[in-house]
């Protein structure tokens, strides 16, 4: 099993994504179970992040989160 994706990028964990959101000024507004709902600093966009901090986020979910948030560091 491959532990590193192609092109030398390491996969992101849910914890890393949450830290990136916090650094960018996003605020967690509520939580239901493992689903956390975050809102952008301008209040115009929202995204949910669901998973344990240590779990790896799938490539498709990470891409979707990057598109919704506009955070290029989520590559």
C-alpha atoms as a PDB file:
ATOM      1  CA  UNK A   1       0.000   0.000   0.000  1.00  0.00           C
ATOM      2  CA  UNK A   2       1.331   3.406  -0.947  1.00  0.00           C
ATOM      3  CA  UNK A   3       1.734   5.790   1.984  1.00  0.00           C
ATOM      4  CA  UNK A   4       2.586   8.834  -0.105  1.00  0.00           C
ATOM      5  CA  UNK A   5       0.584  10.117  -3.050  1.00  0.00           C
ATOM      6  CA  UNK A   6       2.221  10.869  -6.373  1.00  0.00           C
ATOM      7  CA  UNK A   7       4.059  14.162  -6.865  1.00  0.00           C
ATOM      8  CA  UNK A   8       5.476  14.087  -3.325  1.00  0.00           C
ATOM      9  CA  UNK A   9       2.461  15.560  -1.534  1.00  0.00           C
ATOM     10  CA  UNK A  10       1.485  14.100   1.799  1.00  0.00           C
ATOM     11  CA  UNK A  11      -2.246  13.556   2.415  1.00  0.00           C
ATOM     12  CA  UNK A  12      -3.974  15.965   4.771  1.00  0.00           C
ATOM     13  CA  UNK A  13      -5.643  14.890   7.984  1.00  0.00           C
ATOM     14  CA  UNK A  14      -8.893  16.348   9.255  1.00  0.00           C
ATOM     15  CA  UNK A  15      -6.931  17.999  12.069  1.00  0.00           C
ATOM     16  CA  UNK A  16      -4.648  19.758   9.574  1.00  0.00           C
ATOM     17  CA  UNK A  17      -7.669  21.017   7.640  1.00  0.00           C
ATOM     18  CA  UNK A  18      -9.288  22.360  10.823  1.00  0.00           C
ATOM     19  CA  UNK A  19      -6.055  24.142  11.795  1.00  0.00           C
ATOM     20  CA  UNK A  20      -5.824  25.692   8.314  1.00  0.00           C
ATOM     21  CA  UNK A  21      -9.407  26.930   8.582  1.00  0.00           C
ATOM     22  CA  UNK A  22      -8.750  28.426  12.017  1.00  0.00           C
ATOM     23  CA  UNK A  23      -5.571  30.187  10.779  1.00  0.00           C
ATOM     24  CA  UNK A  24      -7.525  31.656   7.850  1.00  0.00           C
ATOM     25  CA  UNK A  25     -10.090  33.164  10.211  1.00  0.00           C
ATOM     26  CA  UNK A  26     -12.890  30.632   9.781  1.00  0.00           C
ATOM     27  CA  UNK A  27     -15.037  30.000  12.869  1.00  0.00           C
ATOM     28  CA  UNK A  28     -16.685  26.770  13.975  1.00  0.00           C
ATOM     29  CA  UNK A  29     -20.325  27.696  14.537  1.00  0.00           C
ATOM     30  CA  UNK A  30     -21.762  24.350  15.597  1.00  0.00           C
ATOM     31  CA  UNK A  31     -21.128  20.651  15.857  1.00  0.00           C
ATOM     32  CA  UNK A  32     -23.370  17.636  15.540  1.00  0.00           C
ATOM     33  CA  UNK A  33     -21.574  14.394  16.304  1.00  0.00           C
ATOM     34  CA  UNK A  34     -18.349  14.363  14.311  1.00  0.00           C
ATOM     35  CA  UNK A  35     -19.575  17.022  11.856  1.00  0.00           C
ATOM     36  CA  UNK A  36     -18.260  20.509  12.520  1.00  0.00           C
ATOM     37  CA  UNK A  37     -19.763  23.418  10.599  1.00  0.00           C
ATOM     38  CA  UNK A  38     -17.421  26.314   9.829  1.00  0.00           C
ATOM     39  CA  UNK A  39     -18.250  29.780   8.524  1.00  0.00           C
ATOM     40  CA  UNK A  40     -15.925  32.147   6.654  1.00  0.00           C
ATOM     41  CA  UNK A  41     -14.744  35.443   8.184  1.00  0.00           C
ATOM     42  CA  UNK A  42     -17.145  37.382   5.932  1.00  0.00           C
ATOM     43  CA  UNK A  43     -20.037  35.046   6.798  1.00  0.00           C
ATOM     44  CA  UNK A  44     -20.793  34.308   3.140  1.00  0.00           C
ATOM     45  CA  UNK A  45     -19.472  30.728   2.899  1.00  0.00           C
ATOM     46  CA  UNK A  46     -19.847  27.637   5.046  1.00  0.00           C
ATOM     47  CA  UNK A  47     -18.252  24.204   5.014  1.00  0.00           C
ATOM     48  CA  UNK A  48     -18.593  21.072   7.117  1.00  0.00           C
ATOM     49  CA  UNK A  49     -15.637  18.969   8.246  1.00  0.00           C
ATOM     50  CA  UNK A  50     -16.397  15.490   9.552  1.00  0.00           C
ATOM     51  CA  UNK A  51     -13.864  13.033  10.874  1.00  0.00           C
ATOM     52  CA  UNK A  52     -11.377  12.338  13.625  1.00  0.00           C
ATOM     53  CA  UNK A  53      -8.358  14.656  13.687  1.00  0.00           C
ATOM     54  CA  UNK A  54      -5.943  11.809  12.947  1.00  0.00           C
ATOM     55  CA  UNK A  55      -7.891  10.358   9.979  1.00  0.00           C
ATOM     56  CA  UNK A  56      -6.733  11.119   6.454  1.00  0.00           C
ATOM     57  CA  UNK A  57      -9.129  13.110   4.305  1.00  0.00           C
ATOM     58  CA  UNK A  58      -9.847  11.557   0.913  1.00  0.00           C
ATOM     59  CA  UNK A  59      -8.576  13.406  -2.161  1.00  0.00           C
ATOM     60  CA  UNK A  60     -12.075  14.223  -3.430  1.00  0.00           C
ATOM     61  CA  UNK A  61     -13.266  15.560  -0.078  1.00  0.00           C
ATOM     62  CA  UNK A  62     -10.108  17.633   0.284  1.00  0.00           C
ATOM     63  CA  UNK A  63     -10.575  19.080  -3.228  1.00  0.00           C
ATOM     64  CA  UNK A  64     -14.193  19.929  -2.486  1.00  0.00           C
ATOM     65  CA  UNK A  65     -13.214  21.634   0.776  1.00  0.00           C
ATOM     66  CA  UNK A  66     -10.475  23.579  -1.023  1.00  0.00           C
ATOM     67  CA  UNK A  67     -12.932  24.793  -3.686  1.00  0.00           C
ATOM     68  CA  UNK A  68     -15.528  25.840  -1.105  1.00  0.00           C
ATOM     69  CA  UNK A  69     -13.037  27.642   1.134  1.00  0.00           C
ATOM     70  CA  UNK A  70     -10.610  29.022  -1.438  1.00  0.00           C
ATOM     71  CA  UNK A  71      -7.635  27.921   0.700  1.00  0.00           C
ATOM     72  CA  UNK A  72      -4.827  26.918  -1.645  1.00  0.00           C
ATOM     73  CA  UNK A  73      -2.811  25.492   1.255  1.00  0.00           C
ATOM     74  CA  UNK A  74      -5.247  22.554   1.212  1.00  0.00           C
ATOM     75  CA  UNK A  75      -3.502  21.060  -1.826  1.00  0.00           C
END
